[in-house]
Amino acid sequence: MLLGLSSANQGDTVDFSAVNDGGENGVPHGDLLVRFSEVAASLDSTEEDLAAVRGQMIGEMGEIGFVEAAATVANFTMMTR
């Protein structure tokens, strides 16, 4: 919901169905961010899985982009559901 509101406020269009269905979602590096969140949250992921996606993220988004994404995943992980 917040992503939808913030993107609308900035005049961007985001396709939330892409989160489940894959494909272009309107978020810069969206496919990579979805893959990272899946690897980070999955109990079946290996250290090699995480290292591979981390390397790709740093290569495409830079270290700051990776840290921001990791902090976002960590924040959602710590929230009481």
PDB file of N, CA and C in Angstrom:
ATOM      1  N   MET A   1       0.819  -1.186   0.000  1.00  0.00           N
ATOM      2  CA  MET A   1       0.000   0.000   0.000  1.00  0.00           C
ATOM      3  C   MET A   1       0.863   1.250   0.000  1.00  0.00           C
ATOM      4  N   LEU A   2       1.879   1.316   0.851  1.00  0.00           N
ATOM      5  CA  LEU A   2       2.716   2.504   0.906  1.00  0.00           C
ATOM      6  C   LEU A   2       3.474   2.714  -0.390  1.00  0.00           C
ATOM      7  N   LEU A   3       3.947   1.635  -1.015  1.00  0.00           N
ATOM      8  CA  LEU A   3       4.629   1.771  -2.293  1.00  0.00           C
ATOM      9  C   LEU A   3       3.683   2.353  -3.322  1.00  0.00           C
ATOM     10  N   GLY A   4       2.451   1.910  -3.308  1.00  0.00           N
ATOM     11  CA  GLY A   4       1.465   2.439  -4.239  1.00  0.00           C
ATOM     12  C   GLY A   4       1.219   3.918  -4.026  1.00  0.00           C
ATOM     13  N   LEU A   5       1.103   4.342  -2.778  1.00  0.00           N
ATOM     14  CA  LEU A   5       0.868   5.747  -2.480  1.00  0.00           C
ATOM     15  C   LEU A   5       2.073   6.605  -2.812  1.00  0.00           C
ATOM     16  N   SER A   6       3.263   6.140  -2.458  1.00  0.00           N
ATOM     17  CA  SER A   6       4.455   6.950  -2.735  1.00  0.00           C
ATOM     18  C   SER A   6       4.737   7.021  -4.223  1.00  0.00           C
ATOM     19  N   SER A   7       4.511   5.936  -4.951  1.00  0.00           N
ATOM     20  CA  SER A   7       4.749   5.970  -6.390  1.00  0.00           C
ATOM     21  C   SER A   7       3.726   6.869  -7.080  1.00  0.00           C
ATOM     22  N   ALA A   8       2.481   6.831  -6.651  1.00  0.00           N
ATOM     23  CA  ALA A   8       1.457   7.706  -7.229  1.00  0.00           C
ATOM     24  C   ALA A   8       1.784   9.166  -6.948  1.00  0.00           C
ATOM     25  N   ASN A   9       2.289   9.435  -5.756  1.00  0.00           N
ATOM     26  CA  ASN A   9       2.671  10.794  -5.377  1.00  0.00           C
ATOM     27  C   ASN A   9       3.788  11.325  -6.271  1.00  0.00           C
ATOM     28  N   GLN A  10       4.663  10.435  -6.723  1.00  0.00           N
ATOM     29  CA  GLN A  10       5.780  10.831  -7.581  1.00  0.00           C
ATOM     30  C   GLN A  10       5.422  10.742  -9.059  1.00  0.00           C
ATOM     31  N   GLY A  11       4.206  10.344  -9.363  1.00  0.00           N
ATOM     32  CA  GLY A  11       3.783  10.240 -10.749  1.00  0.00           C
ATOM     33  C   GLY A  11       4.232   8.972 -11.440  1.00  0.00           C
ATOM     34  N   ASP A  12       4.670   7.971 -10.680  1.00  0.00           N
ATOM     35  CA  ASP A  12       5.109   6.689 -11.234  1.00  0.00           C
ATOM     36  C   ASP A  12       3.952   5.700 -11.241  1.00  0.00           C
ATOM     37  N   THR A  13       4.050   4.715 -12.113  1.00  0.00           N
ATOM     38  CA  THR A  13       3.056   3.651 -12.170  1.00  0.00           C
ATOM     39  C   THR A  13       3.739   2.343 -11.792  1.00  0.00           C
ATOM     40  N   VAL A  14       3.146   1.631 -10.851  1.00  0.00           N
ATOM     41  CA  VAL A  14       3.699   0.364 -10.379  1.00  0.00           C
ATOM     42  C   VAL A  14       2.659  -0.725 -10.598  1.00  0.00           C
ATOM     43  N   ASP A  15       3.107  -1.852 -11.139  1.00  0.00           N
ATOM     44  CA  ASP A  15       2.220  -2.992 -11.382  1.00  0.00           C
ATOM     45  C   ASP A  15       2.468  -4.023 -10.288  1.00  0.00           C
ATOM     46  N   PHE A  16       1.588  -4.072  -9.299  1.00  0.00           N
ATOM     47  CA  PHE A  16       1.782  -4.973  -8.162  1.00  0.00           C
ATOM     48  C   PHE A  16       1.581  -6.439  -8.523  1.00  0.00           C
ATOM     49  N   SER A  17       0.881  -6.741  -9.605  1.00  0.00           N
ATOM     50  CA  SER A  17       0.710  -8.138 -10.003  1.00  0.00           C
ATOM     51  C   SER A  17       2.051  -8.764 -10.368  1.00  0.00           C
ATOM     52  N   ALA A  18       3.022  -7.941 -10.748  1.00  0.00           N
ATOM     53  CA  ALA A  18       4.340  -8.454 -11.117  1.00  0.00           C
ATOM     54  C   ALA A  18       5.067  -9.071  -9.926  1.00  0.00           C
ATOM     55  N   VAL A  19       4.677  -8.708  -8.713  1.00  0.00           N
ATOM     56  CA  VAL A  19       5.316  -9.290  -7.527  1.00  0.00           C
ATOM     57  C   VAL A  19       5.090 -10.793  -7.502  1.00  0.00           C
ATOM     58  N   ASN A  20       3.881 -11.210  -7.815  1.00  0.00           N
ATOM     59  CA  ASN A  20       3.568 -12.635  -7.815  1.00  0.00           C
ATOM     60  C   ASN A  20       3.777 -13.289  -9.165  1.00  0.00           C
ATOM     61  N   ASP A  21       3.536 -12.536 -10.238  1.00  0.00           N
ATOM     62  CA  ASP A  21       3.568 -13.111 -11.578  1.00  0.00           C
ATOM     63  C   ASP A  21       4.912 -12.956 -12.272  1.00  0.00           C
ATOM     64  N   GLY A  22       5.795 -12.119 -11.744  1.00  0.00           N
ATOM     65  CA  GLY A  22       7.066 -11.839 -12.397  1.00  0.00           C
ATOM     66  C   GLY A  22       6.887 -10.822 -13.505  1.00  0.00           C
ATOM     67  N   GLY A  23       7.971 -10.435 -14.099  1.00  0.00           N
ATOM     68  CA  GLY A  23       7.904  -9.473 -15.188  1.00  0.00           C
ATOM     69  C   GLY A  23       8.166  -8.063 -14.719  1.00  0.00           C
ATOM     70  N   GLU A  24       8.093  -7.152 -15.659  1.00  0.00           N
ATOM     71  CA  GLU A  24       8.360  -5.740 -15.381  1.00  0.00           C
ATOM     72  C   GLU A  24       7.292  -5.184 -14.454  1.00  0.00           C
ATOM     73  N   ASN A  25       7.736  -4.458 -13.419  1.00  0.00           N
ATOM     74  CA  ASN A  25       6.783  -3.956 -12.439  1.00  0.00           C
ATOM     75  C   ASN A  25       6.803  -2.445 -12.290  1.00  0.00           C
ATOM     76  N   GLY A  26       7.644  -1.750 -13.032  1.00  0.00           N
ATOM     77  CA  GLY A  26       7.705  -0.297 -12.954  1.00  0.00           C
ATOM     78  C   GLY A  26       8.653   0.223 -11.902  1.00  0.00           C
ATOM     79  N   VAL A  27       9.200  -0.638 -11.069  1.00  0.00           N
ATOM     80  CA  VAL A  27      10.164  -0.246 -10.039  1.00  0.00           C
ATOM     81  C   VAL A  27      11.560  -0.486 -10.596  1.00  0.00           C
ATOM     82  N   PRO A  28      12.444   0.517 -10.521  1.00  0.00           N
ATOM     83  CA  PRO A  28      13.813   0.283 -10.997  1.00  0.00           C
ATOM     84  C   PRO A  28      14.434  -0.935 -10.318  1.00  0.00           C
ATOM     85  N   HIS A  29      14.979  -1.832 -11.103  1.00  0.00           N
ATOM     86  CA  HIS A  29      15.582  -3.079 -10.615  1.00  0.00           C
ATOM     87  C   HIS A  29      14.551  -3.966  -9.917  1.00  0.00           C
ATOM     88  N   GLY A  30      13.287  -3.833 -10.295  1.00  0.00           N
ATOM     89  CA  GLY A  30      12.194  -4.539  -9.612  1.00  0.00           C
ATOM     90  C   GLY A  30      12.354  -6.045  -9.582  1.00  0.00           C
ATOM     91  N   ASP A  31      12.708  -6.657 -10.718  1.00  0.00           N
ATOM     92  CA  ASP A  31      12.878  -8.117 -10.746  1.00  0.00           C
ATOM     93  C   ASP A  31      13.977  -8.560  -9.791  1.00  0.00           C
ATOM     94  N   LEU A  32      15.058  -7.799  -9.768  1.00  0.00           N
ATOM     95  CA  LEU A  32      16.183  -8.135  -8.901  1.00  0.00           C
ATOM     96  C   LEU A  32      15.803  -7.964  -7.432  1.00  0.00           C
ATOM     97  N   LEU A  33      15.052  -6.928  -7.113  1.00  0.00           N
ATOM     98  CA  LEU A  33      14.620  -6.711  -5.734  1.00  0.00           C
ATOM     99  C   LEU A  33      13.665  -7.811  -5.266  1.00  0.00           C
ATOM    100  N   VAL A  34      12.783  -8.245  -6.151  1.00  0.00           N
ATOM    101  CA  VAL A  34      11.879  -9.344  -5.798  1.00  0.00           C
ATOM    102  C   VAL A  34      12.686 -10.612  -5.546  1.00  0.00           C
ATOM    103  N   ARG A  35      13.636 -10.901  -6.432  1.00  0.00           N
ATOM    104  CA  ARG A  35      14.455 -12.108  -6.244  1.00  0.00           C
ATOM    105  C   ARG A  35      15.243 -12.033  -4.936  1.00  0.00           C
ATOM    106  N   PHE A  36      15.817 -10.867  -4.625  1.00  0.00           N
ATOM    107  CA  PHE A  36      16.557 -10.709  -3.379  1.00  0.00           C
ATOM    108  C   PHE A  36      15.657 -10.940  -2.168  1.00  0.00           C
ATOM    109  N   SER A  37      14.472 -10.365  -2.187  1.00  0.00           N
ATOM    110  CA  SER A  37      13.585 -10.543  -1.030  1.00  0.00           C
ATOM    111  C   SER A  37      13.163 -11.995  -0.877  1.00  0.00           C
ATOM    112  N   GLU A  38      12.965 -12.689  -2.003  1.00  0.00           N
ATOM    113  CA  GLU A  38      12.619 -14.111  -1.924  1.00  0.00           C
ATOM    114  C   GLU A  38      13.770 -14.934  -1.357  1.00  0.00           C
ATOM    115  N   VAL A  39      14.987 -14.662  -1.827  1.00  0.00           N
ATOM    116  CA  VAL A  39      16.150 -15.402  -1.325  1.00  0.00           C
ATOM    117  C   VAL A  39      16.372 -15.095   0.152  1.00  0.00           C
ATOM    118  N   ALA A  40      16.244 -13.828   0.532  1.00  0.00           N
ATOM    119  CA  ALA A  40      16.483 -13.431   1.921  1.00  0.00           C
ATOM    120  C   ALA A  40      15.455 -14.028   2.870  1.00  0.00           C
ATOM    121  N   ALA A  41      14.213 -14.172   2.409  1.00  0.00           N
ATOM    122  CA  ALA A  41      13.147 -14.645   3.289  1.00  0.00           C
ATOM    123  C   ALA A  41      12.974 -16.158   3.288  1.00  0.00           C
ATOM    124  N   SER A  42      13.515 -16.847   2.306  1.00  0.00           N
ATOM    125  CA  SER A  42      13.292 -18.287   2.190  1.00  0.00           C
ATOM    126  C   SER A  42      14.198 -19.082   3.119  1.00  0.00           C
ATOM    127  N   LEU A  43      13.605 -20.024   3.811  1.00  0.00           N
ATOM    128  CA  LEU A  43      14.390 -20.905   4.673  1.00  0.00           C
ATOM    129  C   LEU A  43      15.175 -21.926   3.852  1.00  0.00           C
ATOM    130  N   ASP A  44      14.829 -22.074   2.580  1.00  0.00           N
ATOM    131  CA  ASP A  44      15.510 -23.023   1.698  1.00  0.00           C
ATOM    132  C   ASP A  44      16.704 -22.414   0.965  1.00  0.00           C
ATOM    133  N   SER A  45      16.907 -21.096   1.066  1.00  0.00           N
ATOM    134  CA  SER A  45      18.022 -20.451   0.381  1.00  0.00           C
ATOM    135  C   SER A  45      19.347 -20.831   1.030  1.00  0.00           C
ATOM    136  N   THR A  46      20.362 -20.922   0.187  1.00  0.00           N
ATOM    137  CA  THR A  46      21.700 -21.230   0.682  1.00  0.00           C
ATOM    138  C   THR A  46      22.535 -19.951   0.719  1.00  0.00           C
ATOM    139  N   GLU A  47      23.693 -20.037   1.364  1.00  0.00           N
ATOM    140  CA  GLU A  47      24.612 -18.902   1.372  1.00  0.00           C
ATOM    141  C   GLU A  47      25.042 -18.558  -0.042  1.00  0.00           C
ATOM    142  N   GLU A  48      25.158 -19.573  -0.890  1.00  0.00           N
ATOM    143  CA  GLU A  48      25.536 -19.340  -2.284  1.00  0.00           C
ATOM    144  C   GLU A  48      24.439 -18.575  -3.030  1.00  0.00           C
ATOM    145  N   ASP A  49      23.173 -18.900  -2.745  1.00  0.00           N
ATOM    146  CA  ASP A  49      22.056 -18.171  -3.355  1.00  0.00           C
ATOM    147  C   ASP A  49      22.127 -16.690  -2.982  1.00  0.00           C
ATOM    148  N   LEU A  50      22.329 -16.437  -1.701  1.00  0.00           N
ATOM    149  CA  LEU A  50      22.394 -15.060  -1.224  1.00  0.00           C
ATOM    150  C   LEU A  50      23.611 -14.333  -1.799  1.00  0.00           C
ATOM    151  N   ALA A  51      24.742 -15.007  -1.848  1.00  0.00           N
ATOM    152  CA  ALA A  51      25.952 -14.385  -2.399  1.00  0.00           C
ATOM    153  C   ALA A  51      25.776 -14.030  -3.868  1.00  0.00           C
ATOM    154  N   ALA A  52      25.100 -14.884  -4.624  1.00  0.00           N
ATOM    155  CA  ALA A  52      24.889 -14.628  -6.050  1.00  0.00           C
ATOM    156  C   ALA A  52      24.009 -13.407  -6.270  1.00  0.00           C
ATOM    157  N   VAL A  53      22.883 -13.335  -5.562  1.00  0.00           N
ATOM    158  CA  VAL A  53      21.984 -12.201  -5.751  1.00  0.00           C
ATOM    159  C   VAL A  53      22.608 -10.924  -5.187  1.00  0.00           C
ATOM    160  N   ARG A  54      23.342 -11.034  -4.108  1.00  0.00           N
ATOM    161  CA  ARG A  54      24.029  -9.869  -3.534  1.00  0.00           C
ATOM    162  C   ARG A  54      25.040  -9.313  -4.533  1.00  0.00           C
ATOM    163  N   GLY A  55      25.814 -10.186  -5.154  1.00  0.00           N
ATOM    164  CA  GLY A  55      26.791  -9.747  -6.143  1.00  0.00           C
ATOM    165  C   GLY A  55      26.137  -9.057  -7.329  1.00  0.00           C
ATOM    166  N   GLN A  56      25.030  -9.609  -7.795  1.00  0.00           N
ATOM    167  CA  GLN A  56      24.321  -8.998  -8.921  1.00  0.00           C
ATOM    168  C   GLN A  56      23.753  -7.636  -8.515  1.00  0.00           C
ATOM    169  N   MET A  57      23.211  -7.553  -7.307  1.00  0.00           N
ATOM    170  CA  MET A  57      22.656  -6.277  -6.843  1.00  0.00           C
ATOM    171  C   MET A  57      23.731  -5.213  -6.735  1.00  0.00           C
ATOM    172  N   ILE A  58      24.865  -5.557  -6.164  1.00  0.00           N
ATOM    173  CA  ILE A  58      25.948  -4.581  -6.036  1.00  0.00           C
ATOM    174  C   ILE A  58      26.431  -4.156  -7.418  1.00  0.00           C
ATOM    175  N   GLY A  59      26.509  -5.114  -8.340  1.00  0.00           N
ATOM    176  CA  GLY A  59      26.927  -4.794  -9.693  1.00  0.00           C
ATOM    177  C   GLY A  59      25.963  -3.868 -10.417  1.00  0.00           C
ATOM    178  N   GLU A  60      24.675  -4.053 -10.225  1.00  0.00           N
ATOM    179  CA  GLU A  60      23.668  -3.268 -10.941  1.00  0.00           C
ATOM    180  C   GLU A  60      23.199  -2.036 -10.180  1.00  0.00           C
ATOM    181  N   MET A  61      23.170  -2.122  -8.846  1.00  0.00           N
ATOM    182  CA  MET A  61      22.596  -1.040  -8.044  1.00  0.00           C
ATOM    183  C   MET A  61      23.632  -0.299  -7.210  1.00  0.00           C
ATOM    184  N   GLY A  62      24.820  -0.860  -7.097  1.00  0.00           N
ATOM    185  CA  GLY A  62      25.843  -0.265  -6.244  1.00  0.00           C
ATOM    186  C   GLY A  62      25.696  -0.725  -4.805  1.00  0.00           C
ATOM    187  N   GLU A  63      26.722  -0.462  -4.020  1.00  0.00           N
ATOM    188  CA  GLU A  63      26.712  -0.896  -2.617  1.00  0.00           C
ATOM    189  C   GLU A  63      25.617  -0.204  -1.817  1.00  0.00           C
ATOM    190  N   ILE A  64      25.401   1.079  -2.068  1.00  0.00           N
ATOM    191  CA  ILE A  64      24.373   1.807  -1.319  1.00  0.00           C
ATOM    192  C   ILE A  64      22.986   1.248  -1.631  1.00  0.00           C
ATOM    193  N   GLY A  65      22.728   0.951  -2.899  1.00  0.00           N
ATOM    194  CA  GLY A  65      21.446   0.365  -3.277  1.00  0.00           C
ATOM    195  C   GLY A  65      21.228  -0.979  -2.608  1.00  0.00           C
ATOM    196  N   PHE A  66      22.296  -1.782  -2.545  1.00  0.00           N
ATOM    197  CA  PHE A  66      22.181  -3.082  -1.875  1.00  0.00           C
ATOM    198  C   PHE A  66      21.877  -2.897  -0.393  1.00  0.00           C
ATOM    199  N   VAL A  67      22.592  -1.993   0.255  1.00  0.00           N
ATOM    200  CA  VAL A  67      22.382  -1.773   1.695  1.00  0.00           C
ATOM    201  C   VAL A  67      20.965  -1.274   1.959  1.00  0.00           C
ATOM    202  N   GLU A  68      20.458  -0.383   1.118  1.00  0.00           N
ATOM    203  CA  GLU A  68      19.093   0.103   1.297  1.00  0.00           C
ATOM    204  C   GLU A  68      18.076  -1.030   1.140  1.00  0.00           C
ATOM    205  N   ALA A  69      18.294  -1.891   0.156  1.00  0.00           N
ATOM    206  CA  ALA A  69      17.384  -3.029  -0.040  1.00  0.00           C
ATOM    207  C   ALA A  69      17.460  -3.994   1.139  1.00  0.00           C
ATOM    208  N   ALA A  70      18.667  -4.282   1.607  1.00  0.00           N
ATOM    209  CA  ALA A  70      18.835  -5.193   2.740  1.00  0.00           C
ATOM    210  C   ALA A  70      18.200  -4.618   4.002  1.00  0.00           C
ATOM    211  N   ALA A  71      18.337  -3.313   4.208  1.00  0.00           N
ATOM    212  CA  ALA A  71      17.725  -2.680   5.378  1.00  0.00           C
ATOM    213  C   ALA A  71      16.203  -2.747   5.300  1.00  0.00           C
ATOM    214  N   THR A  72      15.661  -2.611   4.101  1.00  0.00           N
ATOM    215  CA  THR A  72      14.205  -2.698   3.921  1.00  0.00           C
ATOM    216  C   THR A  72      13.709  -4.108   4.223  1.00  0.00           C
ATOM    217  N   VAL A  73      14.413  -5.115   3.705  1.00  0.00           N
ATOM    218  CA  VAL A  73      14.039  -6.506   3.989  1.00  0.00           C
ATOM    219  C   VAL A  73      14.145  -6.772   5.493  1.00  0.00           C
ATOM    220  N   ALA A  74      15.201  -6.299   6.119  1.00  0.00           N
ATOM    221  CA  ALA A  74      15.381  -6.500   7.567  1.00  0.00           C
ATOM    222  C   ALA A  74      14.255  -5.846   8.352  1.00  0.00           C
ATOM    223  N   ASN A  75      13.846  -4.652   7.933  1.00  0.00           N
ATOM    224  CA  ASN A  75      12.771  -3.947   8.634  1.00  0.00           C
ATOM    225  C   ASN A  75      11.462  -4.734   8.552  1.00  0.00           C
ATOM    226  N   PHE A  76      11.132  -5.228   7.365  1.00  0.00           N
ATOM    227  CA  PHE A  76       9.899  -6.000   7.229  1.00  0.00           C
ATOM    228  C   PHE A  76       9.992  -7.320   7.996  1.00  0.00           C
ATOM    229  N   THR A  77      11.173  -7.901   8.052  1.00  0.00           N
ATOM    230  CA  THR A  77      11.357  -9.174   8.749  1.00  0.00           C
ATOM    231  C   THR A  77      11.141  -9.017  10.249  1.00  0.00           C
ATOM    232  N   MET A  78      11.525  -7.861  10.807  1.00  0.00           N
ATOM    233  CA  MET A  78      11.413  -7.672  12.247  1.00  0.00           C
ATOM    234  C   MET A  78      10.011  -7.287  12.703  1.00  0.00           C
ATOM    235  N   MET A  79       9.157  -6.892  11.756  1.00  0.00           N
ATOM    236  CA  MET A  79       7.805  -6.457  12.129  1.00  0.00           C
ATOM    237  C   MET A  79       6.970  -7.626  12.639  1.00  0.00           C
ATOM    238  N   THR A  80       6.191  -7.351  13.650  1.00  0.00           N
ATOM    239  CA  THR A  80       5.246  -8.338  14.158  1.00  0.00           C
ATOM    240  C   THR A  80       4.128  -8.490  13.141  1.00  0.00           C
ATOM    241  N   ARG A  81       3.817  -9.732  12.820  1.00  0.00           N
ATOM    242  CA  ARG A  81       2.755  -9.953  11.824  1.00  0.00           C
ATOM    243  C   ARG A  81       1.539 -10.542  12.462  1.00  0.00           C
TER     244      ARG A  81
END
